[in-house]
Amino acid sequence: MLHLSAGVLDLLRNRRVAVEGPWVFPNPKTGKPYYSCWDAWVTTRNKAGLPGLRMHDLRHTYASMMLQSGSDIFAVQQALAHTQLKTTALYLHLTEGQKRLHANNAATATGLFA
């Protein structure tokens, strides 16, 4: 099951009302669904000045953002539909600020250097 945020659901509902036909994002030339999003991806990433960004990089970012916002690794595993926890662990990237925070929390918990 795919879980979407309230903001994304609102965006999709509004988009659905705004277009005619059965598709939320129809191809304006054909009125049918797109068979690929590659051209739009390349155009968008180049306009953003990120020509080397891969779509898969966004999964890494999403996983890291989930962790930074307080989700545990098991929630991230489910969100990414990984069967192996070790696969999810490859996506985890702690920021320097998080590393510092964890070090400070450990020092406070132990009473050392606090």
N, C-alpha and C. Protein backbone atom coordinates (compact mmCIF):
# COMPACT_ATOMS: atom_id res chain seq x y z
N MET A 1 0.84 -1.17 0.00
CA MET A 1 0.00 0.00 0.00
C MET A 1 0.89 1.24 0.00
N LEU A 2 0.53 2.21 -0.79
CA LEU A 2 1.27 3.45 -0.90
C LEU A 2 0.64 4.49 0.02
N HIS A 3 1.44 5.12 0.86
CA HIS A 3 0.96 6.16 1.76
C HIS A 3 1.43 7.51 1.26
N LEU A 4 0.50 8.43 1.12
CA LEU A 4 0.82 9.77 0.65
C LEU A 4 0.47 10.79 1.72
N SER A 5 1.22 11.88 1.76
CA SER A 5 0.94 12.93 2.73
C SER A 5 -0.35 13.64 2.37
N ALA A 6 -0.93 14.33 3.34
CA ALA A 6 -2.17 15.07 3.12
C ALA A 6 -2.00 16.11 2.01
N GLY A 7 -0.82 16.76 1.97
CA GLY A 7 -0.57 17.76 0.94
C GLY A 7 -0.55 17.18 -0.46
N VAL A 8 0.06 15.99 -0.59
CA VAL A 8 0.10 15.33 -1.90
C VAL A 8 -1.30 14.89 -2.31
N LEU A 9 -2.06 14.36 -1.36
CA LEU A 9 -3.43 13.95 -1.67
C LEU A 9 -4.27 15.14 -2.12
N ASP A 10 -4.13 16.27 -1.46
CA ASP A 10 -4.86 17.48 -1.88
C ASP A 10 -4.45 17.90 -3.28
N LEU A 11 -3.16 17.88 -3.55
CA LEU A 11 -2.66 18.24 -4.88
C LEU A 11 -3.26 17.34 -5.95
N LEU A 12 -3.28 16.04 -5.70
CA LEU A 12 -3.82 15.09 -6.68
C LEU A 12 -5.33 15.27 -6.86
N ARG A 13 -6.03 15.50 -5.76
CA ARG A 13 -7.49 15.73 -5.87
C ARG A 13 -7.78 16.98 -6.68
N ASN A 14 -7.07 18.05 -6.41
CA ASN A 14 -7.26 19.30 -7.14
C ASN A 14 -6.91 19.13 -8.61
N ARG A 15 -5.86 18.41 -8.87
CA ARG A 15 -5.45 18.15 -10.25
C ARG A 15 -6.50 17.32 -10.97
N ARG A 16 -7.05 16.34 -10.30
CA ARG A 16 -8.07 15.45 -10.88
C ARG A 16 -9.31 16.25 -11.30
N VAL A 17 -9.69 17.21 -10.50
CA VAL A 17 -10.85 18.05 -10.79
C VAL A 17 -10.56 18.99 -11.97
N ALA A 18 -9.31 19.38 -12.11
CA ALA A 18 -8.93 20.37 -13.12
C ALA A 18 -8.81 19.80 -14.54
N VAL A 19 -8.69 18.50 -14.68
CA VAL A 19 -8.50 17.90 -16.01
C VAL A 19 -9.73 17.11 -16.42
N GLU A 20 -9.89 17.01 -17.72
CA GLU A 20 -10.98 16.19 -18.25
C GLU A 20 -10.45 14.81 -18.59
N GLY A 21 -11.29 13.82 -18.48
CA GLY A 21 -10.88 12.47 -18.82
C GLY A 21 -10.46 11.68 -17.59
N PRO A 22 -10.07 10.43 -17.81
CA PRO A 22 -9.78 9.53 -16.70
C PRO A 22 -8.38 9.66 -16.10
N TRP A 23 -7.51 10.49 -16.69
CA TRP A 23 -6.13 10.54 -16.24
C TRP A 23 -5.84 11.81 -15.45
N VAL A 24 -5.07 11.68 -14.39
CA VAL A 24 -4.72 12.84 -13.56
C VAL A 24 -3.67 13.70 -14.26
N PHE A 25 -2.72 13.07 -14.93
CA PHE A 25 -1.67 13.78 -15.65
C PHE A 25 -1.62 13.30 -17.11
N PRO A 26 -2.60 13.69 -17.92
CA PRO A 26 -2.60 13.23 -19.31
C PRO A 26 -1.56 13.98 -20.15
N ASN A 27 -1.09 13.32 -21.17
CA ASN A 27 -0.23 13.96 -22.15
C ASN A 27 -1.08 14.98 -22.89
N PRO A 28 -0.70 16.26 -22.90
CA PRO A 28 -1.54 17.27 -23.55
C PRO A 28 -1.69 17.06 -25.05
N LYS A 29 -0.76 16.35 -25.67
CA LYS A 29 -0.85 16.10 -27.11
C LYS A 29 -1.82 14.98 -27.45
N THR A 30 -1.86 13.96 -26.59
CA THR A 30 -2.67 12.77 -26.90
C THR A 30 -3.87 12.59 -25.98
N GLY A 31 -3.83 13.20 -24.79
CA GLY A 31 -4.90 13.00 -23.81
C GLY A 31 -4.78 11.67 -23.08
N LYS A 32 -3.76 10.89 -23.42
CA LYS A 32 -3.54 9.58 -22.81
C LYS A 32 -2.41 9.68 -21.79
N PRO A 33 -2.24 8.64 -20.97
CA PRO A 33 -1.15 8.69 -20.00
C PRO A 33 0.21 8.65 -20.70
N TYR A 34 1.19 9.22 -20.03
CA TYR A 34 2.56 9.16 -20.53
C TYR A 34 3.05 7.72 -20.42
N TYR A 35 3.85 7.28 -21.37
CA TYR A 35 4.43 5.95 -21.27
C TYR A 35 5.80 6.02 -20.59
N SER A 36 6.36 7.22 -20.48
CA SER A 36 7.65 7.40 -19.82
C SER A 36 7.73 8.82 -19.28
N CYS A 37 8.45 8.99 -18.19
CA CYS A 37 8.65 10.33 -17.64
C CYS A 37 10.10 10.79 -17.82
N TRP A 38 10.87 10.05 -18.61
CA TRP A 38 12.29 10.32 -18.74
C TRP A 38 12.58 11.72 -19.28
N ASP A 39 11.90 12.13 -20.35
CA ASP A 39 12.16 13.45 -20.93
C ASP A 39 11.86 14.56 -19.93
N ALA A 40 10.75 14.44 -19.21
CA ALA A 40 10.40 15.45 -18.21
C ALA A 40 11.43 15.47 -17.08
N TRP A 41 11.92 14.30 -16.69
CA TRP A 41 12.94 14.21 -15.65
C TRP A 41 14.22 14.90 -16.08
N VAL A 42 14.70 14.62 -17.28
CA VAL A 42 15.94 15.21 -17.77
C VAL A 42 15.79 16.73 -17.88
N THR A 43 14.69 17.19 -18.41
CA THR A 43 14.45 18.63 -18.54
C THR A 43 14.43 19.31 -17.17
N THR A 44 13.74 18.71 -16.23
CA THR A 44 13.61 19.29 -14.89
C THR A 44 14.95 19.33 -14.16
N ARG A 45 15.67 18.24 -14.17
CA ARG A 45 16.95 18.21 -13.45
C ARG A 45 17.96 19.15 -14.08
N ASN A 46 17.93 19.30 -15.40
CA ASN A 46 18.85 20.22 -16.06
C ASN A 46 18.50 21.67 -15.74
N LYS A 47 17.21 22.00 -15.71
CA LYS A 47 16.79 23.35 -15.34
C LYS A 47 17.17 23.67 -13.90
N ALA A 48 17.18 22.66 -13.06
CA ALA A 48 17.54 22.84 -11.65
C ALA A 48 19.06 22.87 -11.45
N GLY A 49 19.80 22.66 -12.53
CA GLY A 49 21.26 22.66 -12.41
C GLY A 49 21.80 21.40 -11.78
N LEU A 50 21.07 20.30 -11.90
CA LEU A 50 21.48 19.02 -11.31
C LEU A 50 21.53 17.93 -12.38
N PRO A 51 22.37 18.09 -13.39
CA PRO A 51 22.35 17.16 -14.52
C PRO A 51 22.71 15.72 -14.17
N GLY A 52 23.43 15.50 -13.08
CA GLY A 52 23.81 14.15 -12.71
C GLY A 52 22.85 13.46 -11.75
N LEU A 53 21.80 14.16 -11.32
CA LEU A 53 20.87 13.58 -10.35
C LEU A 53 20.07 12.44 -10.99
N ARG A 54 20.02 11.32 -10.28
CA ARG A 54 19.25 10.17 -10.75
C ARG A 54 17.93 10.10 -9.98
N MET A 55 16.91 9.53 -10.58
CA MET A 55 15.63 9.37 -9.89
C MET A 55 15.82 8.58 -8.61
N HIS A 56 16.69 7.59 -8.67
CA HIS A 56 16.92 6.74 -7.50
C HIS A 56 17.53 7.53 -6.34
N ASP A 57 18.23 8.62 -6.64
CA ASP A 57 18.78 9.46 -5.58
C ASP A 57 17.67 10.02 -4.70
N LEU A 58 16.49 10.19 -5.26
CA LEU A 58 15.37 10.73 -4.49
C LEU A 58 14.90 9.74 -3.43
N ARG A 59 15.06 8.44 -3.67
CA ARG A 59 14.73 7.44 -2.64
C ARG A 59 15.66 7.59 -1.45
N HIS A 60 16.94 7.80 -1.73
CA HIS A 60 17.90 8.00 -0.65
C HIS A 60 17.54 9.24 0.17
N THR A 61 17.20 10.30 -0.52
CA THR A 61 16.83 11.54 0.16
C THR A 61 15.58 11.32 1.00
N TYR A 62 14.58 10.66 0.44
CA TYR A 62 13.33 10.39 1.16
C TYR A 62 13.60 9.58 2.42
N ALA A 63 14.40 8.54 2.29
CA ALA A 63 14.72 7.70 3.46
C ALA A 63 15.44 8.51 4.53
N SER A 64 16.40 9.32 4.12
CA SER A 64 17.14 10.14 5.08
C SER A 64 16.21 11.15 5.75
N MET A 65 15.33 11.75 4.98
CA MET A 65 14.40 12.73 5.54
C MET A 65 13.42 12.08 6.52
N MET A 66 13.00 10.85 6.23
CA MET A 66 12.13 10.14 7.17
C MET A 66 12.86 9.96 8.51
N LEU A 67 14.12 9.53 8.44
CA LEU A 67 14.88 9.33 9.67
C LEU A 67 15.11 10.63 10.41
N GLN A 68 15.44 11.68 9.68
CA GLN A 68 15.69 12.97 10.32
C GLN A 68 14.44 13.52 10.99
N SER A 69 13.26 13.13 10.50
CA SER A 69 12.03 13.63 11.10
C SER A 69 11.52 12.73 12.22
N GLY A 70 12.29 11.69 12.57
CA GLY A 70 11.92 10.88 13.72
C GLY A 70 11.43 9.48 13.42
N SER A 71 11.32 9.09 12.15
CA SER A 71 10.90 7.73 11.82
C SER A 71 12.01 6.76 12.17
N ASP A 72 11.65 5.55 12.55
CA ASP A 72 12.67 4.55 12.82
C ASP A 72 12.97 3.77 11.53
N ILE A 73 14.01 2.97 11.58
CA ILE A 73 14.47 2.27 10.38
C ILE A 73 13.43 1.28 9.87
N PHE A 74 12.59 0.75 10.75
CA PHE A 74 11.57 -0.20 10.32
C PHE A 74 10.47 0.50 9.52
N ALA A 75 10.13 1.72 9.91
CA ALA A 75 9.14 2.50 9.15
C ALA A 75 9.69 2.84 7.77
N VAL A 76 10.97 3.16 7.71
CA VAL A 76 11.61 3.47 6.42
C VAL A 76 11.64 2.22 5.56
N GLN A 77 11.95 1.09 6.17
CA GLN A 77 11.96 -0.19 5.44
C GLN A 77 10.61 -0.44 4.79
N GLN A 78 9.54 -0.23 5.53
CA GLN A 78 8.19 -0.44 4.98
C GLN A 78 7.88 0.56 3.89
N ALA A 79 8.24 1.82 4.11
CA ALA A 79 7.95 2.86 3.11
C ALA A 79 8.65 2.58 1.79
N LEU A 80 9.85 2.01 1.85
CA LEU A 80 10.61 1.72 0.64
C LEU A 80 10.34 0.31 0.10
N ALA A 81 9.51 -0.44 0.82
CA ALA A 81 9.13 -1.81 0.42
C ALA A 81 10.34 -2.74 0.31
N HIS A 82 11.26 -2.61 1.25
CA HIS A 82 12.41 -3.50 1.29
C HIS A 82 12.07 -4.74 2.10
N THR A 83 12.50 -5.88 1.63
CA THR A 83 12.29 -7.11 2.41
C THR A 83 13.41 -7.33 3.41
N GLN A 84 14.59 -6.77 3.13
CA GLN A 84 15.75 -6.93 4.00
C GLN A 84 16.09 -5.60 4.68
N LEU A 85 16.24 -5.62 5.99
CA LEU A 85 16.59 -4.42 6.73
C LEU A 85 17.97 -3.90 6.30
N LYS A 86 18.87 -4.81 5.94
CA LYS A 86 20.20 -4.38 5.52
C LYS A 86 20.15 -3.57 4.23
N THR A 87 19.16 -3.80 3.39
CA THR A 87 18.99 -2.99 2.18
C THR A 87 18.61 -1.57 2.57
N THR A 88 17.71 -1.43 3.51
CA THR A 88 17.29 -0.10 3.97
C THR A 88 18.46 0.64 4.60
N ALA A 89 19.29 -0.08 5.33
CA ALA A 89 20.42 0.55 6.01
C ALA A 89 21.37 1.23 5.01
N LEU A 90 21.42 0.76 3.79
CA LEU A 90 22.27 1.38 2.77
C LEU A 90 21.80 2.79 2.41
N TYR A 91 20.54 3.08 2.66
CA TYR A 91 19.97 4.37 2.31
C TYR A 91 20.17 5.44 3.38
N LEU A 92 20.66 5.04 4.53
CA LEU A 92 20.69 5.95 5.66
C LEU A 92 21.95 6.80 5.65
N HIS A 93 21.75 8.09 5.71
CA HIS A 93 22.87 9.02 5.70
C HIS A 93 22.63 10.03 6.82
N LEU A 94 23.42 9.95 7.87
CA LEU A 94 23.29 10.92 8.96
C LEU A 94 24.01 12.20 8.59
N THR A 95 23.37 13.32 8.87
CA THR A 95 24.02 14.59 8.63
C THR A 95 25.05 14.84 9.73
N GLU A 96 25.95 15.76 9.48
CA GLU A 96 26.95 16.11 10.49
C GLU A 96 26.26 16.62 11.76
N GLY A 97 25.19 17.38 11.58
CA GLY A 97 24.45 17.89 12.73
C GLY A 97 23.84 16.77 13.55
N GLN A 98 23.33 15.74 12.89
CA GLN A 98 22.76 14.61 13.61
C GLN A 98 23.83 13.84 14.37
N LYS A 99 24.99 13.67 13.75
CA LYS A 99 26.09 12.97 14.42
C LYS A 99 26.50 13.71 15.69
N ARG A 100 26.58 15.03 15.58
CA ARG A 100 26.94 15.86 16.73
C ARG A 100 25.87 15.75 17.81
N LEU A 101 24.60 15.81 17.41
CA LEU A 101 23.50 15.71 18.36
C LEU A 101 23.54 14.37 19.10
N HIS A 102 23.77 13.28 18.37
CA HIS A 102 23.83 11.96 19.00
C HIS A 102 25.00 11.87 19.97
N ALA A 103 26.13 12.45 19.59
CA ALA A 103 27.29 12.44 20.49
C ALA A 103 26.99 13.23 21.76
N ASN A 104 26.35 14.38 21.61
CA ASN A 104 25.99 15.19 22.78
C ASN A 104 24.96 14.48 23.65
N ASN A 105 23.98 13.82 23.03
CA ASN A 105 22.97 13.09 23.79
C ASN A 105 23.60 11.94 24.57
N ALA A 106 24.55 11.24 23.95
CA ALA A 106 25.23 10.14 24.64
C ALA A 106 26.03 10.66 25.83
N ALA A 107 26.70 11.79 25.65
CA ALA A 107 27.48 12.38 26.74
C ALA A 107 26.56 12.80 27.87
N THR A 108 25.41 13.38 27.54
CA THR A 108 24.45 13.81 28.57
C THR A 108 23.88 12.60 29.31
N ALA A 109 23.56 11.55 28.56
CA ALA A 109 22.98 10.34 29.17
C ALA A 109 23.94 9.67 30.13
N THR A 110 25.22 9.71 29.81
CA THR A 110 26.21 9.07 30.67
C THR A 110 26.71 9.98 31.77
N GLY A 111 26.44 11.26 31.62
CA GLY A 111 26.93 12.22 32.60
C GLY A 111 28.38 12.60 32.38
N LEU A 112 28.96 12.10 31.32
CA LEU A 112 30.36 12.43 30.99
C LEU A 112 30.41 13.68 30.12
N PHE A 113 31.31 14.55 30.45
CA PHE A 113 31.57 15.74 29.65
C PHE A 113 30.35 16.65 29.52
N ALA A 114 29.38 16.50 30.38
CA ALA A 114 28.17 17.33 30.27
C ALA A 114 28.29 18.60 31.06
